[in-house]
Amino acid sequence: AIFVDAAFLWASVGELLFGTNDRSRLACDYDGLVRAMVEATG
């Protein structure tokens, strides 16, 4: 199984990609993201 803490996801990925943890300024393709995580973990 995969467990995703969304608040941690937004803060860490926002920092990595854009240098921000402001969740309101980020948008996500959830379908593509989940499939990418499933592929990597699988």
PDB file of all heavy atoms in Angstrom:
ATOM      1  N   ALA A   1       0.847  -1.193   0.000  1.00  0.00           N
ATOM      2  CA  ALA A   1       0.000   0.000   0.000  1.00  0.00           C
ATOM      3  C   ALA A   1       0.883   1.245   0.000  1.00  0.00           C
ATOM      4  O   ALA A   1       2.053   1.196   0.399  1.00  0.00           O
ATOM      5  CB  ALA A   1      -0.928   0.018   1.213  1.00  0.00           C
ATOM      6  N   ILE A   2       0.308   2.343  -0.458  1.00  0.00           N
ATOM      7  CA  ILE A   2       0.984   3.640  -0.435  1.00  0.00           C
ATOM      8  C   ILE A   2       0.186   4.563   0.478  1.00  0.00           C
ATOM      9  O   ILE A   2      -1.036   4.680   0.336  1.00  0.00           O
ATOM     10  CB  ILE A   2       1.071   4.257  -1.842  1.00  0.00           C
ATOM     11  CG1 ILE A   2       1.792   3.308  -2.811  1.00  0.00           C
ATOM     12  CG2 ILE A   2       1.786   5.604  -1.792  1.00  0.00           C
ATOM     13  CD1 ILE A   2       1.715   3.772  -4.268  1.00  0.00           C
ATOM     14  N   PHE A   3       0.862   5.213   1.404  1.00  0.00           N
ATOM     15  CA  PHE A   3       0.242   6.198   2.283  1.00  0.00           C
ATOM     16  C   PHE A   3       0.803   7.577   1.919  1.00  0.00           C
ATOM     17  O   PHE A   3       2.024   7.760   1.911  1.00  0.00           O
ATOM     18  CB  PHE A   3       0.577   5.923   3.757  1.00  0.00           C
ATOM     19  CG  PHE A   3      -0.177   4.775   4.377  1.00  0.00           C
ATOM     20  CD1 PHE A   3      -0.800   3.800   3.610  1.00  0.00           C
ATOM     21  CD2 PHE A   3      -0.259   4.666   5.752  1.00  0.00           C
ATOM     22  CE1 PHE A   3      -1.490   2.753   4.192  1.00  0.00           C
ATOM     23  CE2 PHE A   3      -0.939   3.624   6.352  1.00  0.00           C
ATOM     24  CZ  PHE A   3      -1.560   2.661   5.572  1.00  0.00           C
ATOM     25  N   VAL A   4      -0.083   8.538   1.634  1.00  0.00           N
ATOM     26  CA  VAL A   4       0.345   9.886   1.251  1.00  0.00           C
ATOM     27  C   VAL A   4      -0.190  10.905   2.256  1.00  0.00           C
ATOM     28  O   VAL A   4      -1.409  11.086   2.374  1.00  0.00           O
ATOM     29  CB  VAL A   4      -0.147  10.257  -0.161  1.00  0.00           C
ATOM     30  CG1 VAL A   4       0.271  11.695  -0.515  1.00  0.00           C
ATOM     31  CG2 VAL A   4       0.391   9.272  -1.192  1.00  0.00           C
ATOM     32  N   ASP A   5       0.706  11.555   2.973  1.00  0.00           N
ATOM     33  CA  ASP A   5       0.369  12.683   3.830  1.00  0.00           C
ATOM     34  C   ASP A   5       0.373  13.923   2.931  1.00  0.00           C
ATOM     35  O   ASP A   5       1.427  14.439   2.562  1.00  0.00           O
ATOM     36  CB  ASP A   5       1.402  12.804   4.951  1.00  0.00           C
ATOM     37  CG  ASP A   5       1.146  13.982   5.875  1.00  0.00           C
ATOM     38  OD1 ASP A   5       0.351  14.870   5.525  1.00  0.00           O
ATOM     39  OD2 ASP A   5       1.756  14.015   6.959  1.00  0.00           O
ATOM     40  N   ALA A   6      -0.816  14.407   2.546  1.00  0.00           N
ATOM     41  CA  ALA A   6      -0.915  15.455   1.527  1.00  0.00           C
ATOM     42  C   ALA A   6      -0.215  16.744   1.945  1.00  0.00           C
ATOM     43  O   ALA A   6       0.431  17.400   1.118  1.00  0.00           O
ATOM     44  CB  ALA A   6      -2.377  15.735   1.202  1.00  0.00           C
ATOM     45  N   ALA A   7      -0.326  17.135   3.209  1.00  0.00           N
ATOM     46  CA  ALA A   7       0.333  18.361   3.659  1.00  0.00           C
ATOM     47  C   ALA A   7       1.844  18.250   3.496  1.00  0.00           C
ATOM     48  O   ALA A   7       2.514  19.199   3.068  1.00  0.00           O
ATOM     49  CB  ALA A   7      -0.024  18.646   5.118  1.00  0.00           C
ATOM     50  N   PHE A   8       2.393  17.086   3.832  1.00  0.00           N
ATOM     51  CA  PHE A   8       3.824  16.867   3.666  1.00  0.00           C
ATOM     52  C   PHE A   8       4.197  16.848   2.187  1.00  0.00           C
ATOM     53  O   PHE A   8       5.236  17.380   1.783  1.00  0.00           O
ATOM     54  CB  PHE A   8       4.212  15.536   4.325  1.00  0.00           C
ATOM     55  CG  PHE A   8       5.693  15.280   4.354  1.00  0.00           C
ATOM     56  CD1 PHE A   8       6.474  15.773   5.382  1.00  0.00           C
ATOM     57  CD2 PHE A   8       6.308  14.549   3.350  1.00  0.00           C
ATOM     58  CE1 PHE A   8       7.848  15.548   5.414  1.00  0.00           C
ATOM     59  CE2 PHE A   8       7.669  14.320   3.363  1.00  0.00           C
ATOM     60  CZ  PHE A   8       8.441  14.818   4.403  1.00  0.00           C
ATOM     61  N   LEU A   9       3.334  16.256   1.367  1.00  0.00           N
ATOM     62  CA  LEU A   9       3.575  16.215  -0.080  1.00  0.00           C
ATOM     63  C   LEU A   9       3.674  17.624  -0.649  1.00  0.00           C
ATOM     64  O   LEU A   9       4.635  17.961  -1.357  1.00  0.00           O
ATOM     65  CB  LEU A   9       2.440  15.455  -0.757  1.00  0.00           C
ATOM     66  CG  LEU A   9       2.395  15.526  -2.290  1.00  0.00           C
ATOM     67  CD1 LEU A   9       3.511  14.696  -2.902  1.00  0.00           C
ATOM     68  CD2 LEU A   9       1.037  15.060  -2.816  1.00  0.00           C
ATOM     69  N   TRP A  10       2.686  18.458  -0.367  1.00  0.00           N
ATOM     70  CA  TRP A  10       2.670  19.814  -0.921  1.00  0.00           C
ATOM     71  C   TRP A  10       3.885  20.606  -0.469  1.00  0.00           C
ATOM     72  O   TRP A  10       4.524  21.312  -1.269  1.00  0.00           O
ATOM     73  CB  TRP A  10       1.397  20.542  -0.488  1.00  0.00           C
ATOM     74  CG  TRP A  10       0.158  20.100  -1.193  1.00  0.00           C
ATOM     75  CD1 TRP A  10      -0.861  19.355  -0.663  1.00  0.00           C
ATOM     76  CD2 TRP A  10      -0.211  20.370  -2.549  1.00  0.00           C
ATOM     77  NE1 TRP A  10      -1.836  19.151  -1.612  1.00  0.00           N
ATOM     78  CE2 TRP A  10      -1.463  19.767  -2.769  1.00  0.00           C
ATOM     79  CE3 TRP A  10       0.394  21.064  -3.587  1.00  0.00           C
ATOM     80  CZ2 TRP A  10      -2.131  19.836  -3.989  1.00  0.00           C
ATOM     81  CZ3 TRP A  10      -0.269  21.142  -4.814  1.00  0.00           C
ATOM     82  CH2 TRP A  10      -1.515  20.525  -4.996  1.00  0.00           C
ATOM     83  N   ALA A  11       4.217  20.500   0.815  1.00  0.00           N
ATOM     84  CA  ALA A  11       5.325  21.295   1.344  1.00  0.00           C
ATOM     85  C   ALA A  11       6.659  20.855   0.755  1.00  0.00           C
ATOM     86  O   ALA A  11       7.484  21.684   0.362  1.00  0.00           O
ATOM     87  CB  ALA A  11       5.357  21.181   2.868  1.00  0.00           C
ATOM     88  N   SER A  12       6.885  19.541   0.683  1.00  0.00           N
ATOM     89  CA  SER A  12       8.186  19.053   0.225  1.00  0.00           C
ATOM     90  C   SER A  12       8.356  19.192  -1.285  1.00  0.00           C
ATOM     91  O   SER A  12       9.412  19.625  -1.767  1.00  0.00           O
ATOM     92  CB  SER A  12       8.391  17.598   0.659  1.00  0.00           C
ATOM     93  OG  SER A  12       7.343  16.771   0.209  1.00  0.00           O
ATOM     94  N   VAL A  13       7.324  18.849  -2.051  1.00  0.00           N
ATOM     95  CA  VAL A  13       7.429  18.973  -3.510  1.00  0.00           C
ATOM     96  C   VAL A  13       7.457  20.443  -3.911  1.00  0.00           C
ATOM     97  O   VAL A  13       8.200  20.832  -4.824  1.00  0.00           O
ATOM     98  CB  VAL A  13       6.270  18.229  -4.196  1.00  0.00           C
ATOM     99  CG1 VAL A  13       6.294  18.488  -5.705  1.00  0.00           C
ATOM    100  CG2 VAL A  13       6.370  16.732  -3.934  1.00  0.00           C
ATOM    101  N   GLY A  14       6.663  21.279  -3.233  1.00  0.00           N
ATOM    102  CA  GLY A  14       6.708  22.706  -3.520  1.00  0.00           C
ATOM    103  C   GLY A  14       8.089  23.290  -3.278  1.00  0.00           C
ATOM    104  O   GLY A  14       8.588  24.108  -4.063  1.00  0.00           O
ATOM    105  N   GLU A  15       8.711  22.864  -2.210  1.00  0.00           N
ATOM    106  CA  GLU A  15      10.081  23.334  -1.917  1.00  0.00           C
ATOM    107  C   GLU A  15      11.064  22.861  -2.980  1.00  0.00           C
ATOM    108  O   GLU A  15      11.906  23.629  -3.456  1.00  0.00           O
ATOM    109  CB  GLU A  15      10.519  22.831  -0.547  1.00  0.00           C
ATOM    110  CG  GLU A  15      11.952  23.208  -0.182  1.00  0.00           C
ATOM    111  CD  GLU A  15      12.383  22.639   1.146  1.00  0.00           C
ATOM    112  OE1 GLU A  15      11.518  22.463   2.037  1.00  0.00           O
ATOM    113  OE2 GLU A  15      13.576  22.345   1.308  1.00  0.00           O
ATOM    114  N   LEU A  16      10.964  21.594  -3.375  1.00  0.00           N
ATOM    115  CA  LEU A  16      11.893  21.038  -4.355  1.00  0.00           C
ATOM    116  C   LEU A  16      11.762  21.718  -5.713  1.00  0.00           C
ATOM    117  O   LEU A  16      12.772  22.083  -6.336  1.00  0.00           O
ATOM    118  CB  LEU A  16      11.642  19.536  -4.506  1.00  0.00           C
ATOM    119  CG  LEU A  16      12.447  18.827  -5.615  1.00  0.00           C
ATOM    120  CD1 LEU A  16      13.930  18.803  -5.262  1.00  0.00           C
ATOM    121  CD2 LEU A  16      11.909  17.419  -5.847  1.00  0.00           C
ATOM    122  N   LEU A  17      10.529  21.888  -6.186  1.00  0.00           N
ATOM    123  CA  LEU A  17      10.321  22.374  -7.549  1.00  0.00           C
ATOM    124  C   LEU A  17      10.323  23.891  -7.669  1.00  0.00           C
ATOM    125  O   LEU A  17      10.827  24.444  -8.655  1.00  0.00           O
ATOM    126  CB  LEU A  17       8.993  21.837  -8.089  1.00  0.00           C
ATOM    127  CG  LEU A  17       8.854  20.327  -8.228  1.00  0.00           C
ATOM    128  CD1 LEU A  17       7.495  19.980  -8.824  1.00  0.00           C
ATOM    129  CD2 LEU A  17       9.971  19.738  -9.089  1.00  0.00           C
ATOM    130  N   PHE A  18       9.739  24.571  -6.667  1.00  0.00           N
ATOM    131  CA  PHE A  18       9.497  26.001  -6.822  1.00  0.00           C
ATOM    132  C   PHE A  18      10.010  26.853  -5.666  1.00  0.00           C
ATOM    133  O   PHE A  18       9.817  28.066  -5.658  1.00  0.00           O
ATOM    134  CB  PHE A  18       7.994  26.256  -6.994  1.00  0.00           C
ATOM    135  CG  PHE A  18       7.359  25.405  -8.059  1.00  0.00           C
ATOM    136  CD1 PHE A  18       6.465  24.395  -7.727  1.00  0.00           C
ATOM    137  CD2 PHE A  18       7.672  25.599  -9.397  1.00  0.00           C
ATOM    138  CE1 PHE A  18       5.878  23.604  -8.702  1.00  0.00           C
ATOM    139  CE2 PHE A  18       7.095  24.806 -10.379  1.00  0.00           C
ATOM    140  CZ  PHE A  18       6.204  23.804 -10.031  1.00  0.00           C
ATOM    141  N   GLY A  19      10.620  26.213  -4.670  1.00  0.00           N
ATOM    142  CA  GLY A  19      11.123  26.975  -3.534  1.00  0.00           C
ATOM    143  C   GLY A  19      10.039  27.573  -2.673  1.00  0.00           C
ATOM    144  O   GLY A  19      10.222  28.619  -2.050  1.00  0.00           O
ATOM    145  N   THR A  20       8.871  26.930  -2.631  1.00  0.00           N
ATOM    146  CA  THR A  20       7.754  27.449  -1.832  1.00  0.00           C
ATOM    147  C   THR A  20       7.004  26.302  -1.165  1.00  0.00           C
ATOM    148  O   THR A  20       6.968  25.189  -1.681  1.00  0.00           O
ATOM    149  CB  THR A  20       6.765  28.234  -2.711  1.00  0.00           C
ATOM    150  OG1 THR A  20       5.679  28.695  -1.888  1.00  0.00           O
ATOM    151  CG2 THR A  20       6.191  27.366  -3.819  1.00  0.00           C
ATOM    152  N   ASN A  21       6.414  26.596  -0.003  1.00  0.00           N
ATOM    153  CA  ASN A  21       5.488  25.630   0.599  1.00  0.00           C
ATOM    154  C   ASN A  21       4.082  26.208   0.677  1.00  0.00           C
ATOM    155  O   ASN A  21       3.251  25.755   1.459  1.00  0.00           O
ATOM    156  CB  ASN A  21       5.965  25.196   1.998  1.00  0.00           C
ATOM    157  CG  ASN A  21       6.142  26.368   2.950  1.00  0.00           C
ATOM    158  OD1 ASN A  21       5.664  27.472   2.700  1.00  0.00           O
ATOM    159  ND2 ASN A  21       6.835  26.139   4.050  1.00  0.00           N
ATOM    160  N   ASP A  22       3.805  27.218  -0.154  1.00  0.00           N
ATOM    161  CA  ASP A  22       2.474  27.829  -0.233  1.00  0.00           C
ATOM    162  C   ASP A  22       1.585  26.959  -1.114  1.00  0.00           C
ATOM    163  O   ASP A  22       1.617  27.041  -2.336  1.00  0.00           O
ATOM    164  CB  ASP A  22       2.595  29.248  -0.796  1.00  0.00           C
ATOM    165  CG  ASP A  22       1.237  29.913  -0.973  1.00  0.00           C
ATOM    166  OD1 ASP A  22       0.228  29.326  -0.531  1.00  0.00           O
ATOM    167  OD2 ASP A  22       1.192  31.005  -1.566  1.00  0.00           O
ATOM    168  N   ARG A  23       0.782  26.163  -0.468  1.00  0.00           N
ATOM    169  CA  ARG A  23      -0.071  25.199  -1.162  1.00  0.00           C
ATOM    170  C   ARG A  23      -1.059  25.880  -2.111  1.00  0.00           C
ATOM    171  O   ARG A  23      -1.410  25.327  -3.156  1.00  0.00           O
ATOM    172  CB  ARG A  23      -0.808  24.375  -0.113  1.00  0.00           C
ATOM    173  CG  ARG A  23      -1.769  23.332  -0.629  1.00  0.00           C
ATOM    174  CD  ARG A  23      -2.236  22.468   0.529  1.00  0.00           C
ATOM    175  NE  ARG A  23      -3.229  21.497   0.129  1.00  0.00           N
ATOM    176  CZ  ARG A  23      -3.617  20.475   0.901  1.00  0.00           C
ATOM    177  NH1 ARG A  23      -3.065  20.315   2.085  1.00  0.00           N
ATOM    178  NH2 ARG A  23      -4.522  19.626   0.496  1.00  0.00           N
ATOM    179  N   SER A  24      -1.486  27.088  -1.765  1.00  0.00           N
ATOM    180  CA  SER A  24      -2.489  27.758  -2.594  1.00  0.00           C
ATOM    181  C   SER A  24      -1.940  28.174  -3.947  1.00  0.00           C
ATOM    182  O   SER A  24      -2.705  28.480  -4.862  1.00  0.00           O
ATOM    183  CB  SER A  24      -3.039  28.994  -1.866  1.00  0.00           C
ATOM    184  OG  SER A  24      -2.080  30.039  -1.836  1.00  0.00           O
ATOM    185  N   ARG A  25      -0.634  28.200  -4.110  1.00  0.00           N
ATOM    186  CA  ARG A  25      -0.039  28.616  -5.376  1.00  0.00           C
ATOM    187  C   ARG A  25       0.358  27.435  -6.252  1.00  0.00           C
ATOM    188  O   ARG A  25       1.010  27.623  -7.279  1.00  0.00           O
ATOM    189  CB  ARG A  25       1.200  29.494  -5.125  1.00  0.00           C
ATOM    190  CG  ARG A  25       0.938  30.765  -4.342  1.00  0.00           C
ATOM    191  CD  ARG A  25      -0.268  31.529  -4.833  1.00  0.00           C
ATOM    192  NE  ARG A  25      -0.260  31.728  -6.271  1.00  0.00           N
ATOM    193  CZ  ARG A  25      -1.339  31.743  -7.023  1.00  0.00           C
ATOM    194  NH1 ARG A  25      -2.522  31.530  -6.507  1.00  0.00           N
ATOM    195  NH2 ARG A  25      -1.238  31.943  -8.330  1.00  0.00           N
ATOM    196  N   LEU A  26      -0.003  26.238  -5.858  1.00  0.00           N
ATOM    197  CA  LEU A  26       0.361  25.046  -6.620  1.00  0.00           C
ATOM    198  C   LEU A  26      -0.890  24.327  -7.107  1.00  0.00           C
ATOM    199  O   LEU A  26      -1.909  24.295  -6.426  1.00  0.00           O
ATOM    200  CB  LEU A  26       1.189  24.092  -5.753  1.00  0.00           C
ATOM    201  CG  LEU A  26       2.470  24.663  -5.139  1.00  0.00           C
ATOM    202  CD1 LEU A  26       3.126  23.616  -4.244  1.00  0.00           C
ATOM    203  CD2 LEU A  26       3.432  25.136  -6.208  1.00  0.00           C
ATOM    204  N   ALA A  27      -0.789  23.758  -8.287  1.00  0.00           N
ATOM    205  CA  ALA A  27      -1.852  22.906  -8.828  1.00  0.00           C
ATOM    206  C   ALA A  27      -1.253  21.549  -9.153  1.00  0.00           C
ATOM    207  O   ALA A  27      -0.058  21.442  -9.432  1.00  0.00           O
ATOM    208  CB  ALA A  27      -2.457  23.530 -10.080  1.00  0.00           C
ATOM    209  N   CYS A  28      -2.088  20.526  -9.109  1.00  0.00           N
ATOM    210  CA  CYS A  28      -1.582  19.160  -9.281  1.00  0.00           C
ATOM    211  C   CYS A  28      -2.479  18.357 -10.214  1.00  0.00           C
ATOM    212  O   CYS A  28      -3.706  18.435 -10.139  1.00  0.00           O
ATOM    213  CB  CYS A  28      -1.510  18.465  -7.918  1.00  0.00           C
ATOM    214  SG  CYS A  28      -0.905  16.761  -7.979  1.00  0.00           S
ATOM    215  N   ASP A  29      -1.843  17.589 -11.087  1.00  0.00           N
ATOM    216  CA  ASP A  29      -2.526  16.567 -11.885  1.00  0.00           C
ATOM    217  C   ASP A  29      -2.524  15.295 -11.043  1.00  0.00           C
ATOM    218  O   ASP A  29      -1.580  14.514 -11.080  1.00  0.00           O
ATOM    219  CB  ASP A  29      -1.792  16.363 -13.208  1.00  0.00           C
ATOM    220  CG  ASP A  29      -2.257  15.114 -13.952  1.00  0.00           C
ATOM    221  OD1 ASP A  29      -3.377  14.633 -13.665  1.00  0.00           O
ATOM    222  OD2 ASP A  29      -1.496  14.619 -14.799  1.00  0.00           O
ATOM    223  N   TYR A  30      -3.570  15.101 -10.256  1.00  0.00           N
ATOM    224  CA  TYR A  30      -3.592  14.016  -9.281  1.00  0.00           C
ATOM    225  C   TYR A  30      -3.553  12.645  -9.954  1.00  0.00           C
ATOM    226  O   TYR A  30      -2.878  11.727  -9.465  1.00  0.00           O
ATOM    227  CB  TYR A  30      -4.830  14.124  -8.391  1.00  0.00           C
ATOM    228  CG  TYR A  30      -4.834  15.357  -7.527  1.00  0.00           C
ATOM    229  CD1 TYR A  30      -5.668  16.433  -7.823  1.00  0.00           C
ATOM    230  CD2 TYR A  30      -4.010  15.451  -6.424  1.00  0.00           C
ATOM    231  CE1 TYR A  30      -5.677  17.570  -7.039  1.00  0.00           C
ATOM    232  CE2 TYR A  30      -4.006  16.582  -5.622  1.00  0.00           C
ATOM    233  CZ  TYR A  30      -4.843  17.642  -5.940  1.00  0.00           C
ATOM    234  OH  TYR A  30      -4.837  18.767  -5.164  1.00  0.00           O
ATOM    235  N   ASP A  31      -4.272  12.497 -11.032  1.00  0.00           N
ATOM    236  CA  ASP A  31      -4.299  11.211 -11.718  1.00  0.00           C
ATOM    237  C   ASP A  31      -2.897  10.819 -12.178  1.00  0.00           C
ATOM    238  O   ASP A  31      -2.427   9.710 -11.923  1.00  0.00           O
ATOM    239  CB  ASP A  31      -5.258  11.286 -12.903  1.00  0.00           C
ATOM    240  CG  ASP A  31      -5.418   9.945 -13.607  1.00  0.00           C
ATOM    241  OD1 ASP A  31      -5.379   8.898 -12.935  1.00  0.00           O
ATOM    242  OD2 ASP A  31      -5.582   9.942 -14.834  1.00  0.00           O
ATOM    243  N   GLY A  32      -2.209  11.742 -12.842  1.00  0.00           N
ATOM    244  CA  GLY A  32      -0.862  11.462 -13.304  1.00  0.00           C
ATOM    245  C   GLY A  32       0.102  11.230 -12.157  1.00  0.00           C
ATOM    246  O   GLY A  32       0.983  10.360 -12.232  1.00  0.00           O
ATOM    247  N   LEU A  33      -0.047  12.008 -11.071  1.00  0.00           N
ATOM    248  CA  LEU A  33       0.845  11.858  -9.919  1.00  0.00           C
ATOM    249  C   LEU A  33       0.687  10.491  -9.275  1.00  0.00           C
ATOM    250  O   LEU A  33       1.683   9.805  -8.990  1.00  0.00           O
ATOM    251  CB  LEU A  33       0.546  12.948  -8.894  1.00  0.00           C
ATOM    252  CG  LEU A  33       1.302  12.827  -7.567  1.00  0.00           C
ATOM    253  CD1 LEU A  33       2.803  12.969  -7.774  1.00  0.00           C
ATOM    254  CD2 LEU A  33       0.790  13.860  -6.561  1.00  0.00           C
ATOM    255  N   VAL A  34      -0.557  10.076  -9.034  1.00  0.00           N
ATOM    256  CA  VAL A  34      -0.776   8.778  -8.383  1.00  0.00           C
ATOM    257  C   VAL A  34      -0.238   7.649  -9.262  1.00  0.00           C
ATOM    258  O   VAL A  34       0.398   6.710  -8.770  1.00  0.00           O
ATOM    259  CB  VAL A  34      -2.274   8.585  -8.070  1.00  0.00           C
ATOM    260  CG1 VAL A  34      -2.545   7.146  -7.621  1.00  0.00           C
ATOM    261  CG2 VAL A  34      -2.722   9.568  -6.989  1.00  0.00           C
ATOM    262  N   ARG A  35      -0.478   7.738 -10.567  1.00  0.00           N
ATOM    263  CA  ARG A  35       0.041   6.689 -11.456  1.00  0.00           C
ATOM    264  C   ARG A  35       1.561   6.643 -11.442  1.00  0.00           C
ATOM    265  O   ARG A  35       2.153   5.558 -11.469  1.00  0.00           O
ATOM    266  CB  ARG A  35      -0.475   6.907 -12.886  1.00  0.00           C
ATOM    267  CG  ARG A  35      -1.938   6.504 -13.054  1.00  0.00           C
ATOM    268  CD  ARG A  35      -2.408   6.496 -14.499  1.00  0.00           C
ATOM    269  NE  ARG A  35      -2.696   7.837 -14.984  1.00  0.00           N
ATOM    270  CZ  ARG A  35      -1.952   8.509 -15.826  1.00  0.00           C
ATOM    271  NH1 ARG A  35      -0.830   7.966 -16.298  1.00  0.00           N
ATOM    272  NH2 ARG A  35      -2.299   9.722 -16.232  1.00  0.00           N
ATOM    273  N   ALA A  36       2.209   7.811 -11.367  1.00  0.00           N
ATOM    274  CA  ALA A  36       3.668   7.840 -11.320  1.00  0.00           C
ATOM    275  C   ALA A  36       4.192   7.217 -10.023  1.00  0.00           C
ATOM    276  O   ALA A  36       5.187   6.474 -10.036  1.00  0.00           O
ATOM    277  CB  ALA A  36       4.165   9.283 -11.446  1.00  0.00           C
ATOM    278  N   MET A  37       3.525   7.492  -8.905  1.00  0.00           N
ATOM    279  CA  MET A  37       3.955   6.911  -7.631  1.00  0.00           C
ATOM    280  C   MET A  37       3.727   5.403  -7.612  1.00  0.00           C
ATOM    281  O   MET A  37       4.548   4.644  -7.084  1.00  0.00           O
ATOM    282  CB  MET A  37       3.217   7.586  -6.474  1.00  0.00           C
ATOM    283  CG  MET A  37       3.645   9.020  -6.234  1.00  0.00           C
ATOM    284  SD  MET A  37       3.074   9.684  -4.637  1.00  0.00           S
ATOM    285  CE  MET A  37       1.302   9.648  -4.896  1.00  0.00           C
ATOM    286  N   VAL A  38       2.605   4.968  -8.180  1.00  0.00           N
ATOM    287  CA  VAL A  38       2.334   3.528  -8.237  1.00  0.00           C
ATOM    288  C   VAL A  38       3.374   2.824  -9.104  1.00  0.00           C
ATOM    289  O   VAL A  38       3.875   1.739  -8.748  1.00  0.00           O
ATOM    290  CB  VAL A  38       0.909   3.279  -8.777  1.00  0.00           C
ATOM    291  CG1 VAL A  38       0.706   1.792  -9.085  1.00  0.00           C
ATOM    292  CG2 VAL A  38      -0.135   3.761  -7.775  1.00  0.00           C
ATOM    293  N   GLU A  39       3.718   3.435 -10.206  1.00  0.00           N
ATOM    294  CA  GLU A  39       4.722   2.830 -11.085  1.00  0.00           C
ATOM    295  C   GLU A  39       6.079   2.727 -10.391  1.00  0.00           C
ATOM    296  O   GLU A  39       6.741   1.689 -10.460  1.00  0.00           O
ATOM    297  CB  GLU A  39       4.858   3.654 -12.362  1.00  0.00           C
ATOM    298  CG  GLU A  39       5.847   3.075 -13.372  1.00  0.00           C
ATOM    299  CD  GLU A  39       5.917   3.881 -14.647  1.00  0.00           C
ATOM    300  OE1 GLU A  39       5.043   4.743 -14.873  1.00  0.00           O
ATOM    301  OE2 GLU A  39       6.856   3.660 -15.439  1.00  0.00           O
ATOM    302  N   ALA A  40       6.478   3.798  -9.700  1.00  0.00           N
ATOM    303  CA  ALA A  40       7.783   3.805  -9.045  1.00  0.00           C
ATOM    304  C   ALA A  40       7.839   2.817  -7.889  1.00  0.00           C
ATOM    305  O   ALA A  40       8.826   2.073  -7.729  1.00  0.00           O
ATOM    306  CB  ALA A  40       8.112   5.213  -8.565  1.00  0.00           C
ATOM    307  N   THR A  41       6.799   2.770  -7.069  1.00  0.00           N
ATOM    308  CA  THR A  41       6.809   1.854  -5.933  1.00  0.00           C
ATOM    309  C   THR A  41       6.594   0.410  -6.375  1.00  0.00           C
ATOM    310  O   THR A  41       7.167  -0.522  -5.798  1.00  0.00           O
ATOM    311  CB  THR A  41       5.724   2.239  -4.916  1.00  0.00           C
ATOM    312  OG1 THR A  41       4.446   2.336  -5.591  1.00  0.00           O
ATOM    313  CG2 THR A  41       6.043   3.575  -4.273  1.00  0.00           C
ATOM    314  N   GLY A  42       5.765   0.221  -7.394  1.00  0.00           N
ATOM    315  CA  GLY A  42       5.509  -1.139  -7.869  1.00  0.00           C
ATOM    316  C   GLY A  42       6.761  -1.802  -8.402  1.00  0.00           C
ATOM    317  O   GLY A  42       6.992  -3.000  -8.187  1.00  0.00           O
TER     318      GLY A  42
END
